[in-house]
Amino acid sequence: EAAIFAPAGLAEFLRAAGEAGVLRI
């Protein structure tokens, strides 16, 4: 009823940011 989708590459960027020690908010 309220479908959404993520930008391509978002999961990969978040993973890379976390592995680099970035605080993800």
mmCIF file of all heavy atoms, coordinates in Angstrom:
data_MODEL
# 
_entry.id   MODEL 
# 
loop_
_atom_site.group_PDB 
_atom_site.id 
_atom_site.type_symbol 
_atom_site.label_atom_id 
_atom_site.label_alt_id 
_atom_site.label_comp_id 
_atom_site.label_asym_id 
_atom_site.label_entity_id 
_atom_site.label_seq_id 
_atom_site.pdbx_PDB_ins_code 
_atom_site.Cartn_x 
_atom_site.Cartn_y 
_atom_site.Cartn_z 
_atom_site.occupancy 
_atom_site.B_iso_or_equiv 
_atom_site.pdbx_formal_charge 
_atom_site.auth_seq_id 
_atom_site.auth_comp_id 
_atom_site.auth_asym_id 
_atom_site.auth_atom_id 
_atom_site.pdbx_PDB_model_num 
ATOM 1   N N   . GLU A 1 1  ? 0.812  -1.216 0.000  1.00 0.00 ? 1  GLU A N   1 
ATOM 2   C CA  . GLU A 1 1  ? 0.000  0.000  0.000  1.00 0.00 ? 1  GLU A CA  1 
ATOM 3   C C   . GLU A 1 1  ? 0.847  1.269  0.000  1.00 0.00 ? 1  GLU A C   1 
ATOM 4   O O   . GLU A 1 1  ? 0.348  2.354  -0.318 1.00 0.00 ? 1  GLU A O   1 
ATOM 5   C CB  . GLU A 1 1  ? -0.924 0.008  1.214  1.00 0.00 ? 1  GLU A CB  1 
ATOM 6   C CG  . GLU A 1 1  ? -1.960 -1.097 1.219  1.00 0.00 ? 1  GLU A CG  1 
ATOM 7   C CD  . GLU A 1 1  ? -2.811 -1.041 2.461  1.00 0.00 ? 1  GLU A CD  1 
ATOM 8   O OE1 . GLU A 1 1  ? -3.552 -0.050 2.624  1.00 0.00 ? 1  GLU A OE1 1 
ATOM 9   O OE2 . GLU A 1 1  ? -2.730 -1.973 3.272  1.00 0.00 ? 1  GLU A OE2 1 
ATOM 10  N N   . ALA A 1 2  ? 2.106  1.143  0.373  1.00 0.00 ? 2  ALA A N   1 
ATOM 11  C CA  . ALA A 1 2  ? 3.018  2.295  0.393  1.00 0.00 ? 2  ALA A CA  1 
ATOM 12  C C   . ALA A 1 2  ? 4.422  1.778  0.088  1.00 0.00 ? 2  ALA A C   1 
ATOM 13  O O   . ALA A 1 2  ? 5.333  1.842  0.908  1.00 0.00 ? 2  ALA A O   1 
ATOM 14  C CB  . ALA A 1 2  ? 2.979  3.000  1.749  1.00 0.00 ? 2  ALA A CB  1 
ATOM 15  N N   . ALA A 1 3  ? 4.566  1.256  -1.121 1.00 0.00 ? 3  ALA A N   1 
ATOM 16  C CA  . ALA A 1 3  ? 5.807  0.590  -1.511 1.00 0.00 ? 3  ALA A CA  1 
ATOM 17  C C   . ALA A 1 3  ? 6.964  1.579  -1.623 1.00 0.00 ? 3  ALA A C   1 
ATOM 18  O O   . ALA A 1 3  ? 6.789  2.732  -2.024 1.00 0.00 ? 3  ALA A O   1 
ATOM 19  C CB  . ALA A 1 3  ? 5.616  -0.128 -2.839 1.00 0.00 ? 3  ALA A CB  1 
ATOM 20  N N   . ILE A 1 4  ? 8.154  1.117  -1.267 1.00 0.00 ? 4  ILE A N   1 
ATOM 21  C CA  . ILE A 1 4  ? 9.367  1.925  -1.347 1.00 0.00 ? 4  ILE A CA  1 
ATOM 22  C C   . ILE A 1 4  ? 10.496 1.062  -1.903 1.00 0.00 ? 4  ILE A C   1 
ATOM 23  O O   . ILE A 1 4  ? 10.423 -0.164 -1.910 1.00 0.00 ? 4  ILE A O   1 
ATOM 24  C CB  . ILE A 1 4  ? 9.785  2.476  0.039  1.00 0.00 ? 4  ILE A CB  1 
ATOM 25  C CG1 . ILE A 1 4  ? 9.875  1.347  1.076  1.00 0.00 ? 4  ILE A CG1 1 
ATOM 26  C CG2 . ILE A 1 4  ? 8.835  3.568  0.498  1.00 0.00 ? 4  ILE A CG2 1 
ATOM 27  C CD1 . ILE A 1 4  ? 10.361 1.794  2.442  1.00 0.00 ? 4  ILE A CD1 1 
ATOM 28  N N   . PHE A 1 5  ? 11.551 1.728  -2.378 1.00 0.00 ? 5  PHE A N   1 
ATOM 29  C CA  . PHE A 1 5  ? 12.751 1.014  -2.800 1.00 0.00 ? 5  PHE A CA  1 
ATOM 30  C C   . PHE A 1 5  ? 13.960 1.867  -2.471 1.00 0.00 ? 5  PHE A C   1 
ATOM 31  O O   . PHE A 1 5  ? 13.852 3.089  -2.286 1.00 0.00 ? 5  PHE A O   1 
ATOM 32  C CB  . PHE A 1 5  ? 12.707 0.665  -4.294 1.00 0.00 ? 5  PHE A CB  1 
ATOM 33  C CG  . PHE A 1 5  ? 12.678 1.863  -5.211 1.00 0.00 ? 5  PHE A CG  1 
ATOM 34  C CD1 . PHE A 1 5  ? 13.852 2.373  -5.761 1.00 0.00 ? 5  PHE A CD1 1 
ATOM 35  C CD2 . PHE A 1 5  ? 11.473 2.476  -5.544 1.00 0.00 ? 5  PHE A CD2 1 
ATOM 36  C CE1 . PHE A 1 5  ? 13.823 3.472  -6.610 1.00 0.00 ? 5  PHE A CE1 1 
ATOM 37  C CE2 . PHE A 1 5  ? 11.437 3.572  -6.398 1.00 0.00 ? 5  PHE A CE2 1 
ATOM 38  C CZ  . PHE A 1 5  ? 12.615 4.073  -6.931 1.00 0.00 ? 5  PHE A CZ  1 
ATOM 39  N N   . ALA A 1 6  ? 15.113 1.230  -2.364 1.00 0.00 ? 6  ALA A N   1 
ATOM 40  C CA  . ALA A 1 6  ? 16.344 1.920  -1.990 1.00 0.00 ? 6  ALA A CA  1 
ATOM 41  C C   . ALA A 1 6  ? 17.138 2.322  -3.227 1.00 0.00 ? 6  ALA A C   1 
ATOM 42  O O   . ALA A 1 6  ? 17.051 1.667  -4.266 1.00 0.00 ? 6  ALA A O   1 
ATOM 43  C CB  . ALA A 1 6  ? 17.204 1.020  -1.099 1.00 0.00 ? 6  ALA A CB  1 
ATOM 44  N N   . PRO A 1 7  ? 17.936 3.388  -3.143 1.00 0.00 ? 7  PRO A N   1 
ATOM 45  C CA  . PRO A 1 7  ? 18.808 3.740  -4.255 1.00 0.00 ? 7  PRO A CA  1 
ATOM 46  C C   . PRO A 1 7  ? 19.831 2.629  -4.505 1.00 0.00 ? 7  PRO A C   1 
ATOM 47  O O   . PRO A 1 7  ? 20.332 2.014  -3.556 1.00 0.00 ? 7  PRO A O   1 
ATOM 48  C CB  . PRO A 1 7  ? 19.523 5.011  -3.768 1.00 0.00 ? 7  PRO A CB  1 
ATOM 49  C CG  . PRO A 1 7  ? 18.729 5.504  -2.610 1.00 0.00 ? 7  PRO A CG  1 
ATOM 50  C CD  . PRO A 1 7  ? 18.083 4.304  -1.995 1.00 0.00 ? 7  PRO A CD  1 
ATOM 51  N N   . ALA A 1 8  ? 20.117 2.371  -5.755 1.00 0.00 ? 8  ALA A N   1 
ATOM 52  C CA  . ALA A 1 8  ? 21.141 1.375  -6.081 1.00 0.00 ? 8  ALA A CA  1 
ATOM 53  C C   . ALA A 1 8  ? 22.463 1.773  -5.433 1.00 0.00 ? 8  ALA A C   1 
ATOM 54  O O   . ALA A 1 8  ? 22.869 2.932  -5.475 1.00 0.00 ? 8  ALA A O   1 
ATOM 55  C CB  . ALA A 1 8  ? 21.313 1.293  -7.600 1.00 0.00 ? 8  ALA A CB  1 
ATOM 56  N N   . GLY A 1 9  ? 23.105 0.815  -4.806 1.00 0.00 ? 9  GLY A N   1 
ATOM 57  C CA  . GLY A 1 9  ? 24.403 1.057  -4.192 1.00 0.00 ? 9  GLY A CA  1 
ATOM 58  C C   . GLY A 1 9  ? 24.363 1.520  -2.756 1.00 0.00 ? 9  GLY A C   1 
ATOM 59  O O   . GLY A 1 9  ? 25.421 1.664  -2.127 1.00 0.00 ? 9  GLY A O   1 
ATOM 60  N N   . LEU A 1 10 ? 23.173 1.762  -2.203 1.00 0.00 ? 10 LEU A N   1 
ATOM 61  C CA  . LEU A 1 10 ? 23.097 2.273  -0.833 1.00 0.00 ? 10 LEU A CA  1 
ATOM 62  C C   . LEU A 1 10 ? 23.644 1.270  0.174  1.00 0.00 ? 10 LEU A C   1 
ATOM 63  O O   . LEU A 1 10 ? 24.426 1.637  1.059  1.00 0.00 ? 10 LEU A O   1 
ATOM 64  C CB  . LEU A 1 10 ? 21.661 2.637  -0.479 1.00 0.00 ? 10 LEU A CB  1 
ATOM 65  C CG  . LEU A 1 10 ? 21.426 3.089  0.970  1.00 0.00 ? 10 LEU A CG  1 
ATOM 66  C CD1 . LEU A 1 10 ? 22.256 4.313  1.302  1.00 0.00 ? 10 LEU A CD1 1 
ATOM 67  C CD2 . LEU A 1 10 ? 19.940 3.356  1.221  1.00 0.00 ? 10 LEU A CD2 1 
ATOM 68  N N   . ALA A 1 11 ? 23.231 0.012  0.065  1.00 0.00 ? 11 ALA A N   1 
ATOM 69  C CA  . ALA A 1 11 ? 23.695 -0.986 1.029  1.00 0.00 ? 11 ALA A CA  1 
ATOM 70  C C   . ALA A 1 11 ? 25.209 -1.096 0.994  1.00 0.00 ? 11 ALA A C   1 
ATOM 71  O O   . ALA A 1 11 ? 25.864 -1.211 2.043  1.00 0.00 ? 11 ALA A O   1 
ATOM 72  C CB  . ALA A 1 11 ? 23.058 -2.342 0.727  1.00 0.00 ? 11 ALA A CB  1 
ATOM 73  N N   . GLU A 1 12 ? 25.794 -1.042 -0.200 1.00 0.00 ? 12 GLU A N   1 
ATOM 74  C CA  . GLU A 1 12 ? 27.249 -1.149 -0.329 1.00 0.00 ? 12 GLU A CA  1 
ATOM 75  C C   . GLU A 1 12 ? 27.951 0.061  0.296  1.00 0.00 ? 12 GLU A C   1 
ATOM 76  O O   . GLU A 1 12 ? 28.979 -0.082 0.952  1.00 0.00 ? 12 GLU A O   1 
ATOM 77  C CB  . GLU A 1 12 ? 27.634 -1.281 -1.803 1.00 0.00 ? 12 GLU A CB  1 
ATOM 78  C CG  . GLU A 1 12 ? 27.209 -2.592 -2.445 1.00 0.00 ? 12 GLU A CG  1 
ATOM 79  C CD  . GLU A 1 12 ? 25.776 -2.581 -2.948 1.00 0.00 ? 12 GLU A CD  1 
ATOM 80  O OE1 . GLU A 1 12 ? 25.050 -1.582 -2.706 1.00 0.00 ? 12 GLU A OE1 1 
ATOM 81  O OE2 . GLU A 1 12 ? 25.363 -3.575 -3.582 1.00 0.00 ? 12 GLU A OE2 1 
ATOM 82  N N   . PHE A 1 13 ? 27.394 1.248  0.092  1.00 0.00 ? 13 PHE A N   1 
ATOM 83  C CA  . PHE A 1 13 ? 28.005 2.446  0.689  1.00 0.00 ? 13 PHE A CA  1 
ATOM 84  C C   . PHE A 1 13 ? 27.933 2.385  2.207  1.00 0.00 ? 13 PHE A C   1 
ATOM 85  O O   . PHE A 1 13 ? 28.915 2.707  2.897  1.00 0.00 ? 13 PHE A O   1 
ATOM 86  C CB  . PHE A 1 13 ? 27.316 3.709  0.180  1.00 0.00 ? 13 PHE A CB  1 
ATOM 87  C CG  . PHE A 1 13 ? 27.899 4.972  0.753  1.00 0.00 ? 13 PHE A CG  1 
ATOM 88  C CD1 . PHE A 1 13 ? 29.025 5.555  0.190  1.00 0.00 ? 13 PHE A CD1 1 
ATOM 89  C CD2 . PHE A 1 13 ? 27.325 5.579  1.867  1.00 0.00 ? 13 PHE A CD2 1 
ATOM 90  C CE1 . PHE A 1 13 ? 29.581 6.715  0.729  1.00 0.00 ? 13 PHE A CE1 1 
ATOM 91  C CE2 . PHE A 1 13 ? 27.866 6.733  2.414  1.00 0.00 ? 13 PHE A CE2 1 
ATOM 92  C CZ  . PHE A 1 13 ? 28.992 7.307  1.841  1.00 0.00 ? 13 PHE A CZ  1 
ATOM 93  N N   . LEU A 1 14 ? 26.779 2.005  2.740  1.00 0.00 ? 14 LEU A N   1 
ATOM 94  C CA  . LEU A 1 14 ? 26.650 1.904  4.190  1.00 0.00 ? 14 LEU A CA  1 
ATOM 95  C C   . LEU A 1 14 ? 27.615 0.882  4.767  1.00 0.00 ? 14 LEU A C   1 
ATOM 96  O O   . LEU A 1 14 ? 28.216 1.102  5.831  1.00 0.00 ? 14 LEU A O   1 
ATOM 97  C CB  . LEU A 1 14 ? 25.210 1.537  4.559  1.00 0.00 ? 14 LEU A CB  1 
ATOM 98  C CG  . LEU A 1 14 ? 24.154 2.619  4.342  1.00 0.00 ? 14 LEU A CG  1 
ATOM 99  C CD1 . LEU A 1 14 ? 22.759 2.045  4.550  1.00 0.00 ? 14 LEU A CD1 1 
ATOM 100 C CD2 . LEU A 1 14 ? 24.393 3.803  5.271  1.00 0.00 ? 14 LEU A CD2 1 
ATOM 101 N N   . ARG A 1 15 ? 27.782 -0.231 4.056  1.00 0.00 ? 15 ARG A N   1 
ATOM 102 C CA  . ARG A 1 15 ? 28.722 -1.249 4.520  1.00 0.00 ? 15 ARG A CA  1 
ATOM 103 C C   . ARG A 1 15 ? 30.156 -0.712 4.524  1.00 0.00 ? 15 ARG A C   1 
ATOM 104 O O   . ARG A 1 15 ? 30.895 -0.878 5.489  1.00 0.00 ? 15 ARG A O   1 
ATOM 105 C CB  . ARG A 1 15 ? 28.631 -2.491 3.634  1.00 0.00 ? 15 ARG A CB  1 
ATOM 106 C CG  . ARG A 1 15 ? 29.459 -3.676 4.143  1.00 0.00 ? 15 ARG A CG  1 
ATOM 107 C CD  . ARG A 1 15 ? 29.293 -4.884 3.231  1.00 0.00 ? 15 ARG A CD  1 
ATOM 108 N NE  . ARG A 1 15 ? 27.893 -5.218 3.038  1.00 0.00 ? 15 ARG A NE  1 
ATOM 109 C CZ  . ARG A 1 15 ? 27.262 -5.144 1.874  1.00 0.00 ? 15 ARG A CZ  1 
ATOM 110 N NH1 . ARG A 1 15 ? 27.915 -4.754 0.781  1.00 0.00 ? 15 ARG A NH1 1 
ATOM 111 N NH2 . ARG A 1 15 ? 25.988 -5.464 1.780  1.00 0.00 ? 15 ARG A NH2 1 
ATOM 112 N N   . ALA A 1 16 ? 30.530 -0.025 3.457  1.00 0.00 ? 16 ALA A N   1 
ATOM 113 C CA  . ALA A 1 16 ? 31.875 0.543  3.370  1.00 0.00 ? 16 ALA A CA  1 
ATOM 114 C C   . ALA A 1 16 ? 32.097 1.603  4.440  1.00 0.00 ? 16 ALA A C   1 
ATOM 115 O O   . ALA A 1 16 ? 33.168 1.661  5.056  1.00 0.00 ? 16 ALA A O   1 
ATOM 116 C CB  . ALA A 1 16 ? 32.109 1.135  1.979  1.00 0.00 ? 16 ALA A CB  1 
ATOM 117 N N   . ALA A 1 17 ? 31.078 2.426  4.676  1.00 0.00 ? 17 ALA A N   1 
ATOM 118 C CA  . ALA A 1 17 ? 31.203 3.455  5.706  1.00 0.00 ? 17 ALA A CA  1 
ATOM 119 C C   . ALA A 1 17 ? 31.397 2.829  7.085  1.00 0.00 ? 17 ALA A C   1 
ATOM 120 O O   . ALA A 1 17 ? 32.225 3.276  7.883  1.00 0.00 ? 17 ALA A O   1 
ATOM 121 C CB  . ALA A 1 17 ? 29.972 4.357  5.693  1.00 0.00 ? 17 ALA A CB  1 
ATOM 122 N N   . GLY A 1 18 ? 30.634 1.785  7.368  1.00 0.00 ? 18 GLY A N   1 
ATOM 123 C CA  . GLY A 1 18 ? 30.778 1.110  8.656  1.00 0.00 ? 18 GLY A CA  1 
ATOM 124 C C   . GLY A 1 18 ? 32.142 0.481  8.823  1.00 0.00 ? 18 GLY A C   1 
ATOM 125 O O   . GLY A 1 18 ? 32.768 0.581  9.896  1.00 0.00 ? 18 GLY A O   1 
ATOM 126 N N   . GLU A 1 19 ? 32.634 -0.149 7.768  1.00 0.00 ? 19 GLU A N   1 
ATOM 127 C CA  . GLU A 1 19 ? 33.942 -0.787 7.844  1.00 0.00 ? 19 GLU A CA  1 
ATOM 128 C C   . GLU A 1 19 ? 35.064 0.237  7.986  1.00 0.00 ? 19 GLU A C   1 
ATOM 129 O O   . GLU A 1 19 ? 36.135 -0.071 8.525  1.00 0.00 ? 19 GLU A O   1 
ATOM 130 C CB  . GLU A 1 19 ? 34.167 -1.651 6.610  1.00 0.00 ? 19 GLU A CB  1 
ATOM 131 C CG  . GLU A 1 19 ? 33.257 -2.884 6.571  1.00 0.00 ? 19 GLU A CG  1 
ATOM 132 C CD  . GLU A 1 19 ? 33.359 -3.646 5.271  1.00 0.00 ? 19 GLU A CD  1 
ATOM 133 O OE1 . GLU A 1 19 ? 34.057 -3.179 4.348  1.00 0.00 ? 19 GLU A OE1 1 
ATOM 134 O OE2 . GLU A 1 19 ? 32.707 -4.712 5.168  1.00 0.00 ? 19 GLU A OE2 1 
ATOM 135 N N   . ALA A 1 20 ? 34.816 1.476  7.528  1.00 0.00 ? 20 ALA A N   1 
ATOM 136 C CA  . ALA A 1 20 ? 35.807 2.547  7.648  1.00 0.00 ? 20 ALA A CA  1 
ATOM 137 C C   . ALA A 1 20 ? 35.700 3.292  8.978  1.00 0.00 ? 20 ALA A C   1 
ATOM 138 O O   . ALA A 1 20 ? 36.425 4.252  9.208  1.00 0.00 ? 20 ALA A O   1 
ATOM 139 C CB  . ALA A 1 20 ? 35.643 3.524  6.490  1.00 0.00 ? 20 ALA A CB  1 
ATOM 140 N N   . GLY A 1 21 ? 34.783 2.857  9.841  1.00 0.00 ? 21 GLY A N   1 
ATOM 141 C CA  . GLY A 1 21 ? 34.656 3.480  11.155 1.00 0.00 ? 21 GLY A CA  1 
ATOM 142 C C   . GLY A 1 21 ? 33.775 4.703  11.195 1.00 0.00 ? 21 GLY A C   1 
ATOM 143 O O   . GLY A 1 21 ? 33.784 5.450  12.182 1.00 0.00 ? 21 GLY A O   1 
ATOM 144 N N   . VAL A 1 22 ? 32.989 4.935  10.143 1.00 0.00 ? 22 VAL A N   1 
ATOM 145 C CA  . VAL A 1 22 ? 32.095 6.087  10.103 1.00 0.00 ? 22 VAL A CA  1 
ATOM 146 C C   . VAL A 1 22 ? 30.823 5.793  10.904 1.00 0.00 ? 22 VAL A C   1 
ATOM 147 O O   . VAL A 1 22 ? 30.258 4.702  10.793 1.00 0.00 ? 22 VAL A O   1 
ATOM 148 C CB  . VAL A 1 22 ? 31.732 6.438  8.642  1.00 0.00 ? 22 VAL A CB  1 
ATOM 149 C CG1 . VAL A 1 22 ? 30.700 7.558  8.597  1.00 0.00 ? 22 VAL A CG1 1 
ATOM 150 C CG2 . VAL A 1 22 ? 32.983 6.826  7.861  1.00 0.00 ? 22 VAL A CG2 1 
ATOM 151 N N   . LEU A 1 23 ? 30.391 6.750  11.710 1.00 0.00 ? 23 LEU A N   1 
ATOM 152 C CA  . LEU A 1 23 ? 29.135 6.639  12.442 1.00 0.00 ? 23 LEU A CA  1 
ATOM 153 C C   . LEU A 1 23 ? 27.998 6.901  11.470 1.00 0.00 ? 23 LEU A C   1 
ATOM 154 O O   . LEU A 1 23 ? 27.882 7.987  10.901 1.00 0.00 ? 23 LEU A O   1 
ATOM 155 C CB  . LEU A 1 23 ? 29.110 7.656  13.585 1.00 0.00 ? 23 LEU A CB  1 
ATOM 156 C CG  . LEU A 1 23 ? 27.842 7.708  14.457 1.00 0.00 ? 23 LEU A CG  1 
ATOM 157 C CD1 . LEU A 1 23 ? 27.625 6.391  15.176 1.00 0.00 ? 23 LEU A CD1 1 
ATOM 158 C CD2 . LEU A 1 23 ? 27.936 8.865  15.440 1.00 0.00 ? 23 LEU A CD2 1 
ATOM 159 N N   . ARG A 1 24 ? 27.141 5.914  11.264 1.00 0.00 ? 24 ARG A N   1 
ATOM 160 C CA  . ARG A 1 24 ? 26.073 6.001  10.273 1.00 0.00 ? 24 ARG A CA  1 
ATOM 161 C C   . ARG A 1 24 ? 24.753 6.306  10.977 1.00 0.00 ? 24 ARG A C   1 
ATOM 162 O O   . ARG A 1 24 ? 24.290 5.521  11.792 1.00 0.00 ? 24 ARG A O   1 
ATOM 163 C CB  . ARG A 1 24 ? 25.981 4.694  9.491  1.00 0.00 ? 24 ARG A CB  1 
ATOM 164 C CG  . ARG A 1 24 ? 27.300 4.297  8.801  1.00 0.00 ? 24 ARG A CG  1 
ATOM 165 C CD  . ARG A 1 24 ? 27.330 2.825  8.457  1.00 0.00 ? 24 ARG A CD  1 
ATOM 166 N NE  . ARG A 1 24 ? 27.208 1.989  9.651  1.00 0.00 ? 24 ARG A NE  1 
ATOM 167 C CZ  . ARG A 1 24 ? 27.078 0.657  9.627  1.00 0.00 ? 24 ARG A CZ  1 
ATOM 168 N NH1 . ARG A 1 24 ? 27.030 0.025  8.473  1.00 0.00 ? 24 ARG A NH1 1 
ATOM 169 N NH2 . ARG A 1 24 ? 26.983 -0.017 10.758 1.00 0.00 ? 24 ARG A NH2 1 
ATOM 170 N N   . ILE A 1 25 ? 24.161 7.462  10.626 1.00 0.00 ? 25 ILE A N   1 
ATOM 171 C CA  . ILE A 1 25 ? 22.973 7.946  11.320 1.00 0.00 ? 25 ILE A CA  1 
ATOM 172 C C   . ILE A 1 25 ? 21.834 8.138  10.330 1.00 0.00 ? 25 ILE A C   1 
ATOM 173 O O   . ILE A 1 25 ? 22.023 8.729  9.262  1.00 0.00 ? 25 ILE A O   1 
ATOM 174 C CB  . ILE A 1 25 ? 23.255 9.284  12.030 1.00 0.00 ? 25 ILE A CB  1 
ATOM 175 C CG1 . ILE A 1 25 ? 24.397 9.123  13.042 1.00 0.00 ? 25 ILE A CG1 1 
ATOM 176 C CG2 . ILE A 1 25 ? 22.002 9.811  12.721 1.00 0.00 ? 25 ILE A CG2 1 
ATOM 177 C CD1 . ILE A 1 25 ? 24.877 10.436 13.634 1.00 0.00 ? 25 ILE A CD1 1 
# 
